[in-house]
Amino acid sequence: MQLSEQEIIRRDKLNALRELGINPYPANLYPVDHTSKQVKENFEEGKKVVVAGRIMSMRDQGKACFAELQDSEGRIQLYLNRDVICPDEDKTLYNQVFRKLTDLGDFIGIEGELFTTQVGAKCVRVSNFTFLSKTLRPLPLPKTDEEGKVFDAFVDPELRYRMRYVDLVVNPQVKEVFMKRTKLFTAMRTFFNQAGYMEVETPVLQSIPGGAAARPFITHHNSLDIPLYMRIANELYLKRLIVGGFDGVYEFSKNFRNEGMDRTHNPEFTAMEIYVAYKDYNWMMEFTENLLEYCATQVNGTTEATFGEHKVNFKAPYARVTMTDAIKQFTGFDITGKTEAELFEAARGMGIDVNETMGKGKLIDEIFGEKCEGNFIQPTFITDYPKEMSPLCKSHRDNPDLTERFELMVCGKEIANAYSELNDPIDQRERFEAQMALAAKGDDEANGIIDEDFLRALEYGMPPTSGLGIGMDRLIMFLTNNASIQEVLFFPQMRPEKKGPELTEEEKLIIELLKAEDNQPLAQLKEKSALSGKKWDAAMKGLAKHGLTKVVVDGDNKTVVLN
């Protein structure tokens, strides 16, 4: 492992601490009794406190030093005086340990009393400090000049997402996003629990990828010697619980779909699904708008949210537009009664990329997605979907070609999907068979497997039920004004880090010789390698190309050094 100069210096300091008898990574509890926020909110002159966190800045003034300590709730200023920390003749703890062996990013615990500085800053006068953890890599701390311009900010998305632990330390606004995410989950749970519904858990590994039209991740169960699928949805299991006698169940589920990645899709995502017996989609629309109004207020203190250039208001009630009317409004085309061939030609005439594997449902979905979806900025319920688009949804009570389904659109994106659930087992079997026909036709998102156990459950009887699914990642994007899903996931899926260059055996040999003794005369190194002239030349060119070595020329002397 090649270390930077800073990393080498920090390891030297680590050894120096140990030589002084200080354990840089102590195991014992540290008795913290205040956070930085509590210090500020309950500030009293002379009050004794014990605080712990990272050192984020230091201003050394010789016999005294000011520093900033960052904990989970913010920062607090510290004042360290040599003679207060070291009242006896031995000043090692201040002069050596703090001033010379402590770096930015190190964790320390401090004991002290509160006081106000001459410029009015709330501060802790440190009487003792304890090393809690030595950092071996420097934090990428931004710098601000006298004009307020920020330099060296940690803003590269690739690095931020891959090293979220660093992102959270140096970019405080990022932490606020995830605190709001937790508030959203808490608010939603509270709303459901107060309504009397029960939170449950269902399997992540499933024998049949059911409940949605999506491509699954496949794995293998060694003991049972069967293929299993990572959950694409938990719908069918939650409905089984309604069959079993629960009136209302909900789950926050991790779902996995082996599909594309973009600013609004991650292959692993979090959804909430809730099913309530004896309700329909009209009731669920009202329930949903009241739920989101409550959640927005709990997360942001208001029903209003900013998303990009749009101001969105989650205050109930929301507009309701049928799928047919939406397509007619924005394309002039009426999908009512149209055949698959007519829909195909209409979509192609609109410039939409379609192919022969698409059935009626997929074609209508493409038309709506391309021509209509982006026009709905304020929360809007799109209702009454064609039956071909909703294989698990009950037929519309007034039109058998439609279903009792709605999707909630915000800023041109779907954040919720709900049905009057299909509870006719014969109708459900026919819908599954239609999906199998689409799969046989080549639609890789259609479910080509019939869940016989779920049909058996329906045959035992499921009461009238309404179900709702909400994409939690997308909802928190809207509530925190983040256009990328990666910003609201602690650890989004990333491509593997690029590894170092693949070296030939000859290149590896030269590197090993230089590691044993760097800065060697070129002729001496060539002799040690025992390589032929051709292999030596190729290896040296390769190492230079990779930026691993360089030849230093001083007069007639040539030496090889590691970069």
Protein backbone atom coordinates (compact mmCIF):
# COMPACT_ATOMS: atom_id res chain seq x y z
CA MET A 1 0.00 0.00 0.00
CA GLN A 2 1.45 3.34 -1.07
CA LEU A 3 0.88 6.06 1.53
CA SER A 4 0.76 9.79 0.98
CA GLU A 5 3.08 12.08 2.90
CA GLN A 6 0.20 13.06 5.21
CA GLU A 7 -0.66 9.44 5.90
CA ILE A 8 2.95 8.64 6.77
CA ILE A 9 3.12 11.64 9.15
CA ARG A 10 -0.08 10.55 10.90
CA ARG A 11 1.21 7.02 11.38
CA ASP A 12 4.38 8.46 12.88
CA LYS A 13 2.22 10.47 15.30
CA LEU A 14 0.28 7.32 16.13
CA ASN A 15 3.51 5.59 17.12
CA ALA A 16 4.62 8.64 19.11
CA LEU A 17 1.37 8.54 21.12
CA ARG A 18 1.94 4.89 21.94
CA GLU A 19 5.51 5.61 22.98
CA LEU A 20 4.13 8.16 25.45
CA GLY A 21 1.91 5.44 26.93
CA ILE A 22 -1.28 6.81 25.34
CA ASN A 23 -3.64 4.32 23.71
CA PRO A 24 -4.91 6.04 20.52
CA TYR A 25 -7.94 3.72 20.45
CA PRO A 26 -9.05 3.18 24.07
CA ALA A 27 -11.77 0.61 24.75
CA ASN A 28 -13.33 2.06 27.87
CA LEU A 29 -16.51 4.14 27.97
CA TYR A 30 -16.12 7.90 27.83
CA PRO A 31 -18.69 9.59 30.12
CA VAL A 32 -20.21 12.19 27.75
CA ASP A 33 -22.92 14.22 29.50
CA HIS A 34 -23.58 17.01 26.97
CA THR A 35 -23.81 17.43 23.22
CA SER A 36 -22.78 20.64 21.48
CA LYS A 37 -26.46 21.51 21.04
CA GLN A 38 -27.22 20.97 24.71
CA VAL A 39 -24.23 23.12 25.68
CA LYS A 40 -25.56 26.02 23.61
CA GLU A 41 -29.22 25.64 24.53
CA ASN A 42 -28.60 25.24 28.28
CA PHE A 43 -25.57 27.51 28.57
CA GLU A 44 -24.57 28.61 32.08
CA GLU A 45 -21.34 30.39 32.98
CA GLY A 46 -19.08 28.08 34.98
CA LYS A 47 -21.14 24.95 34.29
CA LYS A 48 -19.01 21.78 34.08
CA VAL A 49 -19.48 19.59 31.02
CA VAL A 50 -18.03 16.48 29.40
CA VAL A 51 -18.16 16.51 25.57
CA ALA A 52 -16.65 14.33 22.83
CA GLY A 53 -16.22 14.63 19.07
CA ARG A 54 -13.87 15.42 16.19
CA ILE A 55 -11.40 18.28 16.12
CA MET A 56 -12.40 20.31 13.04
CA SER A 57 -10.22 23.42 13.40
CA MET A 58 -7.30 24.61 15.55
CA ARG A 59 -5.78 28.07 16.12
CA ASP A 60 -2.51 27.65 17.97
CA GLN A 61 -1.44 30.70 20.00
CA GLY A 62 1.47 29.14 21.82
CA LYS A 63 0.51 28.77 25.47
CA ALA A 64 -3.16 28.72 24.50
CA CYS A 65 -5.19 27.32 21.63
CA PHE A 66 -8.73 27.63 20.30
CA ALA A 67 -10.31 24.64 18.59
CA GLU A 68 -13.68 23.52 17.25
CA LEU A 69 -15.17 20.20 18.29
CA GLN A 70 -17.85 18.58 16.09
CA ASP A 71 -20.26 15.98 17.43
CA SER A 72 -23.52 14.52 16.11
CA GLU A 73 -25.44 17.75 16.71
CA GLY A 74 -23.07 20.49 15.61
CA ARG A 75 -19.92 22.27 16.75
CA ILE A 76 -18.70 23.90 19.96
CA GLN A 77 -15.65 26.07 20.50
CA LEU A 78 -12.91 24.93 22.89
CA TYR A 79 -10.27 26.99 24.69
CA LEU A 80 -7.17 25.12 25.82
CA ASN A 81 -4.63 26.79 28.10
CA ARG A 82 -1.32 25.05 28.75
CA ASP A 83 -1.22 25.84 32.47
CA VAL A 84 -4.84 24.82 33.05
CA ILE A 85 -4.41 21.46 31.32
CA CYS A 86 -0.93 20.92 32.79
CA PRO A 87 -0.87 22.66 36.20
CA ASP A 88 2.33 20.82 37.20
CA GLU A 89 5.79 21.19 35.65
CA ASP A 90 5.19 18.42 33.10
CA LYS A 91 3.59 20.12 30.10
CA THR A 92 3.70 17.09 27.80
CA LEU A 93 -0.08 16.67 27.52
CA TYR A 94 -0.46 20.15 26.05
CA ASN A 95 2.88 20.80 24.32
CA GLN A 96 3.33 17.37 22.77
CA VAL A 97 0.06 15.47 22.74
CA PHE A 98 -2.29 18.29 21.77
CA ARG A 99 -0.14 20.73 19.84
CA LYS A 100 2.08 18.25 17.95
CA LEU A 101 0.35 14.87 17.87
CA THR A 102 -3.31 15.88 17.46
CA ASP A 103 -4.63 16.38 13.91
CA LEU A 104 -7.83 17.68 12.41
CA GLY A 105 -10.36 14.85 12.38
CA ASP A 106 -9.06 13.19 15.55
CA PHE A 107 -11.66 12.22 18.16
CA ILE A 108 -11.06 13.55 21.65
CA GLY A 109 -13.08 13.79 24.83
CA ILE A 110 -12.87 16.95 26.92
CA GLU A 111 -13.80 18.01 30.43
CA GLY A 112 -14.20 21.68 31.21
CA GLU A 113 -16.43 24.56 32.23
CA LEU A 114 -18.46 26.95 30.13
CA PHE A 115 -17.54 30.59 29.68
CA THR A 116 -18.15 33.44 27.26
CA THR A 117 -15.21 34.86 25.36
CA GLN A 118 -14.49 38.58 25.03
CA VAL A 119 -16.18 38.59 21.61
CA GLY A 120 -19.29 36.89 23.02
CA ALA A 121 -18.69 33.33 21.81
CA LYS A 122 -19.94 30.43 23.93
CA CYS A 123 -16.93 28.31 24.73
CA VAL A 124 -15.63 25.42 26.88
CA ARG A 125 -12.48 26.08 28.93
CA VAL A 126 -10.83 22.67 28.80
CA SER A 127 -9.36 21.32 32.02
CA ASN A 128 -8.56 17.85 30.67
CA PHE A 129 -8.76 15.99 27.38
CA THR A 130 -8.54 12.33 26.40
CA PHE A 131 -7.52 10.82 23.07
CA LEU A 132 -10.39 8.66 21.75
CA SER A 133 -9.40 7.85 18.15
CA LYS A 134 -6.50 8.80 15.92
CA THR A 135 -7.39 9.41 12.24
CA LEU A 136 -4.88 8.11 9.71
CA ARG A 137 -6.25 9.97 6.69
CA PRO A 138 -6.74 13.75 6.50
CA LEU A 139 -10.30 14.98 6.02
CA PRO A 140 -10.95 16.97 2.80
CA LEU A 141 -11.89 20.11 4.72
CA PRO A 142 -13.04 23.11 2.66
CA LYS A 143 -11.25 26.42 3.12
CA THR A 144 -12.78 29.91 3.05
CA ASP A 145 -10.76 33.00 2.13
CA GLU A 146 -11.18 36.54 3.44
CA GLU A 147 -13.77 37.28 0.76
CA GLY A 148 -15.88 34.30 1.76
CA LYS A 149 -15.00 32.15 -1.26
CA VAL A 150 -14.86 28.41 -0.55
CA PHE A 151 -12.00 26.29 -1.90
CA ASP A 152 -11.34 22.54 -1.85
CA ALA A 153 -14.96 21.71 -1.05
CA PHE A 154 -15.81 18.00 -1.06
CA VAL A 155 -18.39 18.14 -3.86
CA ASP A 156 -17.47 15.48 -6.43
CA PRO A 157 -20.58 13.18 -6.55
CA GLU A 158 -18.56 10.04 -7.29
CA LEU A 159 -16.42 10.55 -4.18
CA ARG A 160 -19.31 11.79 -2.01
CA TYR A 161 -21.52 8.75 -2.69
CA ARG A 162 -18.66 6.27 -2.45
CA MET A 163 -17.31 7.79 0.78
CA ARG A 164 -20.55 8.89 2.42
CA TYR A 165 -18.86 8.70 5.82
CA VAL A 166 -16.58 11.58 4.76
CA ASP A 167 -19.43 13.44 3.07
CA LEU A 168 -21.42 13.45 6.31
CA VAL A 169 -18.48 14.81 8.30
CA VAL A 170 -17.51 17.71 6.04
CA ASN A 171 -20.88 18.63 4.46
CA PRO A 172 -23.35 19.31 7.31
CA GLN A 173 -26.25 19.93 4.91
CA VAL A 174 -26.07 16.30 3.77
CA LYS A 175 -26.80 15.08 7.28
CA GLU A 176 -29.92 17.23 7.37
CA VAL A 177 -31.32 15.34 4.36
CA PHE A 178 -31.03 12.02 6.17
CA MET A 179 -32.45 13.43 9.38
CA LYS A 180 -35.50 14.49 7.35
CA ARG A 181 -35.65 11.02 5.82
CA THR A 182 -35.93 9.53 9.31
CA LYS A 183 -38.59 12.10 10.21
CA LEU A 184 -40.59 11.01 7.17
CA PHE A 185 -40.57 7.35 8.19
CA THR A 186 -41.47 8.27 11.77
CA ALA A 187 -44.34 10.50 10.63
CA MET A 188 -45.77 7.85 8.32
CA ARG A 189 -45.58 5.18 11.00
CA THR A 190 -47.30 7.49 13.46
CA PHE A 191 -50.10 8.22 10.98
CA PHE A 192 -50.69 4.50 10.31
CA ASN A 193 -50.42 3.46 13.93
CA GLN A 194 -52.89 6.11 15.04
CA ALA A 195 -55.29 4.75 12.42
CA GLY A 196 -54.95 1.32 14.04
CA TYR A 197 -52.95 -0.45 11.33
CA MET A 198 -50.19 -2.98 12.03
CA GLU A 199 -46.61 -2.91 10.81
CA VAL A 200 -45.44 -6.34 9.57
CA GLU A 201 -42.50 -8.01 7.83
CA THR A 202 -42.64 -10.25 4.76
CA PRO A 203 -39.96 -12.31 2.97
CA VAL A 204 -37.17 -10.68 0.99
CA LEU A 205 -36.25 -14.00 -0.66
CA GLN A 206 -39.25 -15.26 -2.63
CA SER A 207 -39.89 -18.37 -4.70
CA ILE A 208 -41.86 -16.34 -7.26
CA PRO A 209 -41.11 -12.70 -8.20
CA GLY A 210 -44.64 -11.37 -7.82
CA GLY A 211 -46.57 -8.18 -7.08
CA ALA A 212 -45.10 -6.01 -9.84
CA ALA A 213 -43.89 -6.07 -13.44
CA ALA A 214 -40.10 -5.89 -13.10
CA ARG A 215 -36.96 -7.88 -13.83
CA PRO A 216 -35.75 -9.59 -10.61
CA PHE A 217 -32.38 -10.42 -9.14
CA ILE A 218 -31.97 -14.21 -8.96
CA THR A 219 -30.06 -16.15 -6.32
CA HIS A 220 -29.85 -19.79 -5.19
CA HIS A 221 -30.75 -21.47 -1.92
CA ASN A 222 -28.11 -24.13 -1.33
CA SER A 223 -29.91 -26.19 1.34
CA LEU A 224 -33.19 -26.38 -0.58
CA ASP A 225 -31.40 -26.44 -3.95
CA ILE A 226 -33.89 -24.03 -5.51
CA PRO A 227 -33.67 -20.65 -7.23
CA LEU A 228 -34.97 -17.69 -5.24
CA TYR A 229 -35.74 -14.13 -6.25
CA MET A 230 -34.99 -10.93 -4.43
CA ARG A 231 -38.26 -9.19 -3.63
CA ILE A 232 -39.56 -6.86 -6.36
CA ALA A 233 -42.67 -6.08 -4.28
CA ASN A 234 -44.33 -7.32 -1.10
CA GLU A 235 -47.92 -6.93 -2.31
CA LEU A 236 -48.96 -10.56 -2.55
CA TYR A 237 -47.70 -11.41 0.93
CA LEU A 238 -49.48 -8.44 2.52
CA LYS A 239 -52.72 -9.49 0.84
CA ARG A 240 -52.30 -12.97 2.29
CA LEU A 241 -52.37 -11.29 5.70
CA ILE A 242 -55.65 -9.56 4.83
CA VAL A 243 -57.00 -13.02 3.93
CA GLY A 244 -55.73 -14.16 7.33
CA GLY A 245 -57.91 -11.64 9.17
CA PHE A 246 -55.94 -8.41 9.63
CA ASP A 247 -57.94 -5.30 8.79
CA GLY A 248 -54.92 -3.17 7.99
CA VAL A 249 -51.22 -4.01 7.50
CA TYR A 250 -48.26 -2.01 6.24
CA GLU A 251 -44.56 -2.56 5.63
CA PHE A 252 -41.53 -0.47 4.73
CA SER A 253 -39.78 -2.89 2.40
CA LYS A 254 -36.45 -3.02 0.63
CA ASN A 255 -37.20 -3.98 -2.96
CA PHE A 256 -34.75 -5.03 -5.66
CA ARG A 257 -35.23 -4.61 -9.40
CA ASN A 258 -32.54 -5.65 -11.86
CA GLU A 259 -33.09 -2.74 -14.18
CA GLY A 260 -31.55 0.55 -15.25
CA MET A 261 -30.00 3.17 -13.00
CA ASP A 262 -30.55 6.89 -13.39
CA ARG A 263 -31.27 10.00 -11.29
CA THR A 264 -34.60 8.59 -10.09
CA HIS A 265 -33.93 4.84 -10.04
CA ASN A 266 -31.65 2.68 -7.91
CA PRO A 267 -31.74 -1.15 -8.16
CA GLU A 268 -32.27 -1.30 -4.38
CA PHE A 269 -34.97 1.03 -3.08
CA THR A 270 -37.45 1.45 -0.25
CA ALA A 271 -41.20 1.29 -0.71
CA MET A 272 -44.08 1.49 1.72
CA GLU A 273 -47.16 -0.61 1.03
CA ILE A 274 -50.36 -0.59 3.07
CA TYR A 275 -53.55 -2.66 2.63
CA VAL A 276 -56.81 -1.88 4.40
CA ALA A 277 -59.86 -4.14 4.34
CA TYR A 278 -63.36 -2.92 3.45
CA LYS A 279 -62.01 0.17 1.62
CA ASP A 280 -61.79 1.20 -2.04
CA TYR A 281 -59.57 3.48 -4.11
CA ASN A 282 -61.79 6.51 -3.54
CA TRP A 283 -61.27 6.18 0.21
CA MET A 284 -57.54 5.59 -0.39
CA MET A 285 -57.22 8.83 -2.38
CA GLU A 286 -58.48 10.84 0.56
CA PHE A 287 -56.35 8.80 2.96
CA THR A 288 -53.24 9.41 0.80
CA GLU A 289 -53.64 13.18 0.51
CA ASN A 290 -54.19 13.47 4.27
CA LEU A 291 -51.15 11.23 4.89
CA LEU A 292 -48.85 13.30 2.67
CA GLU A 293 -50.10 16.60 4.09
CA TYR A 294 -49.28 15.29 7.57
CA CYS A 295 -45.86 13.95 6.54
CA ALA A 296 -44.81 17.13 4.74
CA THR A 297 -45.70 19.19 7.81
CA GLN A 298 -43.81 16.86 10.14
CA VAL A 299 -40.69 16.85 7.94
CA ASN A 300 -40.51 20.52 6.88
CA GLY A 301 -42.92 22.31 9.20
CA THR A 302 -45.10 23.27 6.22
CA THR A 303 -47.12 21.61 3.45
CA GLU A 304 -45.06 23.50 0.87
CA ALA A 305 -41.85 22.18 -0.66
CA THR A 306 -39.43 23.41 -3.31
CA PHE A 307 -38.29 21.00 -5.99
CA GLY A 308 -35.99 22.55 -8.57
CA GLU A 309 -37.86 25.44 -10.14
CA HIS A 310 -41.22 24.29 -8.81
CA LYS A 311 -43.12 25.16 -5.63
CA VAL A 312 -45.20 22.15 -4.62
CA ASN A 313 -48.01 22.19 -2.05
CA PHE A 314 -49.00 18.91 -0.38
CA LYS A 315 -52.06 20.49 1.21
CA ALA A 316 -55.17 18.31 0.61
CA PRO A 317 -57.24 17.90 -1.53
CA TYR A 318 -55.46 17.01 -4.79
CA ALA A 319 -56.74 17.19 -8.37
CA ARG A 320 -58.14 14.01 -9.97
CA VAL A 321 -57.73 13.27 -13.71
CA THR A 322 -58.54 9.99 -15.50
CA MET A 323 -55.85 8.31 -17.58
CA THR A 324 -58.04 8.58 -20.68
CA ASP A 325 -58.65 12.31 -20.18
CA ALA A 326 -54.96 12.98 -19.50
CA ILE A 327 -53.89 11.33 -22.78
CA LYS A 328 -56.69 13.05 -24.69
CA GLN A 329 -55.73 16.42 -23.18
CA PHE A 330 -52.05 16.27 -24.12
CA THR A 331 -52.14 14.22 -27.36
CA GLY A 332 -55.65 14.61 -28.74
CA PHE A 333 -55.85 10.80 -29.01
CA ASP A 334 -58.68 8.87 -27.35
CA ILE A 335 -57.51 5.42 -26.20
CA THR A 336 -61.08 4.24 -25.48
CA GLY A 337 -61.85 1.00 -27.31
CA LYS A 338 -58.64 1.03 -29.34
CA THR A 339 -57.01 -2.24 -30.42
CA GLU A 340 -53.39 -3.11 -29.80
CA ALA A 341 -52.57 -2.37 -33.45
CA GLU A 342 -54.27 1.03 -33.29
CA LEU A 343 -52.39 1.93 -30.11
CA PHE A 344 -49.11 0.80 -31.68
CA GLU A 345 -49.61 2.99 -34.75
CA ALA A 346 -50.73 5.96 -32.63
CA ALA A 347 -47.66 5.70 -30.38
CA ARG A 348 -45.34 5.41 -33.35
CA GLY A 349 -47.05 8.39 -34.95
CA MET A 350 -46.29 10.40 -31.82
CA GLY A 351 -42.60 9.59 -32.18
CA ILE A 352 -42.57 7.16 -29.25
CA ASP A 353 -40.11 4.25 -29.35
CA VAL A 354 -42.29 1.11 -29.30
CA ASN A 355 -41.83 -2.48 -30.45
CA GLU A 356 -43.87 -5.58 -31.23
CA THR A 357 -43.35 -7.14 -27.79
CA MET A 358 -45.54 -4.46 -26.15
CA GLY A 359 -49.15 -5.24 -25.33
CA LYS A 360 -51.96 -2.71 -24.95
CA GLY A 361 -51.05 -1.87 -21.36
CA LYS A 362 -47.39 -1.19 -22.12
CA LEU A 363 -48.28 0.90 -25.18
CA ILE A 364 -50.68 3.09 -23.18
CA ASP A 365 -48.09 3.39 -20.43
CA GLU A 366 -45.50 4.58 -22.97
CA ILE A 367 -47.88 7.18 -24.43
CA PHE A 368 -48.75 8.54 -20.99
CA GLY A 369 -45.13 8.52 -19.82
CA GLU A 370 -43.80 10.30 -22.89
CA LYS A 371 -46.57 12.82 -23.53
CA CYS A 372 -48.48 13.43 -20.30
CA GLU A 373 -46.60 12.56 -17.13
CA GLY A 374 -44.26 15.55 -17.11
CA ASN A 375 -47.14 18.04 -17.21
CA PHE A 376 -48.42 17.25 -13.71
CA ILE A 377 -46.44 19.40 -11.28
CA GLN A 378 -48.77 19.83 -8.30
CA PRO A 379 -49.90 16.58 -6.62
CA THR A 380 -52.45 15.02 -8.98
CA PHE A 381 -54.24 11.67 -8.89
CA ILE A 382 -54.28 9.96 -12.32
CA THR A 383 -57.21 7.53 -12.09
CA ASP A 384 -59.04 4.71 -13.86
CA TYR A 385 -56.28 2.88 -15.72
CA PRO A 386 -57.01 0.46 -18.59
CA LYS A 387 -57.28 -3.14 -17.39
CA GLU A 388 -54.22 -4.22 -19.39
CA MET A 389 -52.01 -1.93 -17.28
CA SER A 390 -53.17 -3.30 -13.90
CA PRO A 391 -53.14 -7.10 -13.55
CA LEU A 392 -53.78 -7.04 -9.78
CA CYS A 393 -56.48 -4.36 -9.76
CA LYS A 394 -60.27 -4.69 -9.52
CA SER A 395 -62.34 -3.88 -12.60
CA HIS A 396 -63.97 -0.47 -12.57
CA ARG A 397 -67.52 -0.61 -11.22
CA ASP A 398 -68.83 1.52 -14.15
CA ASN A 399 -66.58 0.39 -17.03
CA PRO A 400 -65.21 -3.18 -17.24
CA ASP A 401 -62.42 -2.04 -19.62
CA LEU A 402 -60.91 0.08 -16.83
CA THR A 403 -59.64 -0.60 -13.32
CA GLU A 404 -60.06 1.20 -10.02
CA ARG A 405 -56.51 2.43 -9.79
CA PHE A 406 -54.75 5.71 -9.23
CA GLU A 407 -51.18 6.97 -9.34
CA LEU A 408 -50.13 10.17 -7.61
CA MET A 409 -47.99 12.43 -9.79
CA VAL A 410 -45.74 15.18 -8.42
CA CYS A 411 -43.40 17.24 -10.62
CA GLY A 412 -43.95 14.79 -13.46
CA LYS A 413 -43.01 11.72 -11.42
CA GLU A 414 -45.08 8.95 -9.84
CA ILE A 415 -44.69 8.71 -6.06
CA ALA A 416 -47.73 6.58 -5.15
CA ASN A 417 -49.76 3.78 -6.72
CA ALA A 418 -53.05 2.42 -5.36
CA TYR A 419 -55.86 0.01 -6.24
CA SER A 420 -59.21 -1.28 -5.28
CA GLU A 421 -57.61 -4.70 -4.96
CA LEU A 422 -58.74 -7.60 -7.11
CA ASN A 423 -60.26 -10.26 -4.84
CA ASP A 424 -62.00 -12.43 -7.46
CA PRO A 425 -59.72 -15.50 -7.74
CA ILE A 426 -61.05 -16.52 -11.17
CA ASP A 427 -60.53 -13.03 -12.61
CA GLN A 428 -57.09 -12.94 -11.00
CA ARG A 429 -56.08 -16.20 -12.66
CA GLU A 430 -57.13 -14.83 -16.04
CA ARG A 431 -55.02 -11.69 -15.44
CA PHE A 432 -52.00 -13.83 -14.53
CA GLU A 433 -52.48 -15.87 -17.73
CA ALA A 434 -52.60 -12.66 -19.76
CA GLN A 435 -49.28 -11.65 -18.19
CA MET A 436 -47.82 -15.04 -19.13
CA ALA A 437 -48.86 -14.44 -22.74
CA LEU A 438 -47.01 -11.10 -22.74
CA ALA A 439 -43.92 -12.77 -21.28
CA ALA A 440 -44.04 -15.43 -24.00
CA LYS A 441 -44.31 -12.62 -26.54
CA GLY A 442 -41.00 -11.19 -25.31
CA ASP A 443 -41.96 -8.57 -22.70
CA ASP A 444 -39.17 -9.11 -20.15
CA GLU A 445 -41.00 -7.02 -17.53
CA ALA A 446 -44.16 -9.14 -17.65
CA ASN A 447 -44.46 -11.81 -14.97
CA GLY A 448 -44.41 -15.18 -16.67
CA ILE A 449 -45.18 -17.18 -13.52
CA ILE A 450 -48.55 -17.83 -11.88
CA ASP A 451 -48.46 -17.64 -8.09
CA GLU A 452 -50.66 -20.62 -7.31
CA ASP A 453 -50.38 -20.15 -3.56
CA PHE A 454 -51.64 -16.58 -3.80
CA LEU A 455 -54.58 -17.74 -5.93
CA ARG A 456 -55.30 -20.42 -3.31
CA ALA A 457 -55.31 -17.71 -0.65
CA LEU A 458 -57.84 -15.67 -2.67
CA GLU A 459 -60.00 -18.76 -3.02
CA TYR A 460 -60.28 -18.83 0.77
CA GLY A 461 -61.72 -15.33 0.49
CA MET A 462 -60.28 -11.81 0.76
CA PRO A 463 -62.61 -8.97 1.78
CA PRO A 464 -62.89 -5.81 -0.34
CA THR A 465 -59.51 -4.15 0.12
CA SER A 466 -57.64 -1.07 -1.01
CA GLY A 467 -53.84 -1.00 -1.25
CA LEU A 468 -51.34 1.82 -1.57
CA GLY A 469 -47.64 1.84 -2.42
CA ILE A 470 -45.35 4.86 -2.00
CA GLY A 471 -41.77 5.18 -3.21
CA MET A 472 -40.10 6.49 -0.07
CA ASP A 473 -36.84 7.50 -1.77
CA ARG A 474 -38.65 9.56 -4.39
CA LEU A 475 -40.93 11.19 -1.81
CA ILE A 476 -37.99 12.36 0.31
CA MET A 477 -36.37 13.73 -2.88
CA PHE A 478 -39.35 16.05 -3.27
CA LEU A 479 -39.38 17.03 0.40
CA THR A 480 -35.65 17.91 0.44
CA ASN A 481 -35.27 19.40 -3.05
CA ASN A 482 -32.92 16.73 -4.38
CA ALA A 483 -33.15 15.83 -8.06
CA SER A 484 -30.98 12.70 -7.71
CA ILE A 485 -31.99 9.57 -5.79
CA GLN A 486 -28.33 9.07 -4.87
CA GLU A 487 -28.57 12.16 -2.64
CA VAL A 488 -31.20 10.55 -0.39
CA LEU A 489 -29.61 7.09 -0.10
CA PHE A 490 -26.83 6.68 2.41
CA PHE A 491 -25.02 4.19 0.18
CA PRO A 492 -26.31 4.19 -3.43
CA GLN A 493 -25.20 1.43 -5.78
CA MET A 494 -21.88 2.32 -7.41
CA ARG A 495 -19.64 0.79 -9.99
CA PRO A 496 -16.62 -0.95 -8.45
CA GLU A 497 -13.70 1.35 -7.72
CA LYS A 498 -11.09 1.35 -10.41
CA LYS A 499 -8.17 -0.77 -9.34
CA GLY A 500 -4.55 0.04 -9.93
CA PRO A 501 -3.02 -0.85 -13.28
CA GLU A 502 -2.41 -4.47 -14.16
CA LEU A 503 1.36 -4.95 -14.06
CA THR A 504 3.49 -7.46 -15.93
CA GLU A 505 5.71 -9.80 -13.94
CA GLU A 506 8.76 -7.73 -14.96
CA GLU A 507 7.08 -4.50 -13.78
CA LYS A 508 6.14 -6.13 -10.47
CA LEU A 509 9.76 -7.26 -9.99
CA ILE A 510 11.12 -3.72 -10.43
CA ILE A 511 8.50 -2.31 -8.04
CA GLU A 512 9.47 -4.85 -5.37
CA LEU A 513 13.16 -3.99 -5.76
CA LEU A 514 12.37 -0.28 -5.35
CA LYS A 515 10.19 -0.91 -2.32
CA ALA A 516 13.11 -2.66 -0.68
CA GLU A 517 15.43 0.25 -1.54
CA ASP A 518 14.07 3.36 -3.21
CA ASN A 519 16.15 5.84 -5.21
CA GLN A 520 18.49 3.29 -6.79
CA PRO A 521 21.01 3.97 -9.57
CA LEU A 522 19.45 2.88 -12.86
CA ALA A 523 22.34 0.59 -13.83
CA GLN A 524 22.34 -1.05 -10.41
CA LEU A 525 18.57 -1.64 -10.52
CA LYS A 526 18.81 -3.15 -14.00
CA GLU A 527 21.55 -5.49 -12.84
CA LYS A 528 19.52 -6.59 -9.80
CA SER A 529 16.47 -7.32 -11.97
CA ALA A 530 18.50 -9.64 -14.25
CA LEU A 531 16.13 -8.76 -17.09
CA SER A 532 17.10 -8.84 -20.74
CA GLY A 533 17.46 -5.47 -22.43
CA LYS A 534 14.16 -5.87 -24.28
CA LYS A 535 12.17 -6.84 -21.17
CA TRP A 536 13.87 -4.12 -19.09
CA ASP A 537 12.97 -1.43 -21.61
CA ALA A 538 9.35 -2.61 -21.87
CA ALA A 539 8.96 -2.77 -18.08
CA MET A 540 10.44 0.68 -17.48
CA LYS A 541 8.23 2.19 -20.19
CA GLY A 542 5.17 0.51 -18.68
CA LEU A 543 5.93 1.76 -15.16
CA ALA A 544 6.48 5.29 -16.42
CA LYS A 545 3.22 5.15 -18.37
CA HIS A 546 1.36 4.07 -15.21
CA GLY A 547 3.04 6.91 -13.31
CA LEU A 548 4.58 4.53 -10.78
CA THR A 549 8.26 5.35 -11.30
CA LYS A 550 10.42 8.07 -12.73
CA VAL A 551 14.07 8.42 -13.71
CA VAL A 552 15.88 11.34 -12.10
CA VAL A 553 18.86 12.68 -14.08
CA ASP A 554 21.62 14.55 -12.26
CA GLY A 555 24.53 15.14 -14.64
CA ASP A 556 25.78 11.74 -15.67
CA ASN A 557 23.93 9.99 -12.82
CA LYS A 558 20.53 8.38 -13.36
CA THR A 559 18.46 7.05 -10.48
CA VAL A 560 15.01 5.41 -10.38
CA VAL A 561 12.48 6.42 -7.72
CA LEU A 562 8.91 5.43 -6.88
CA ASN A 563 6.25 8.09 -7.46
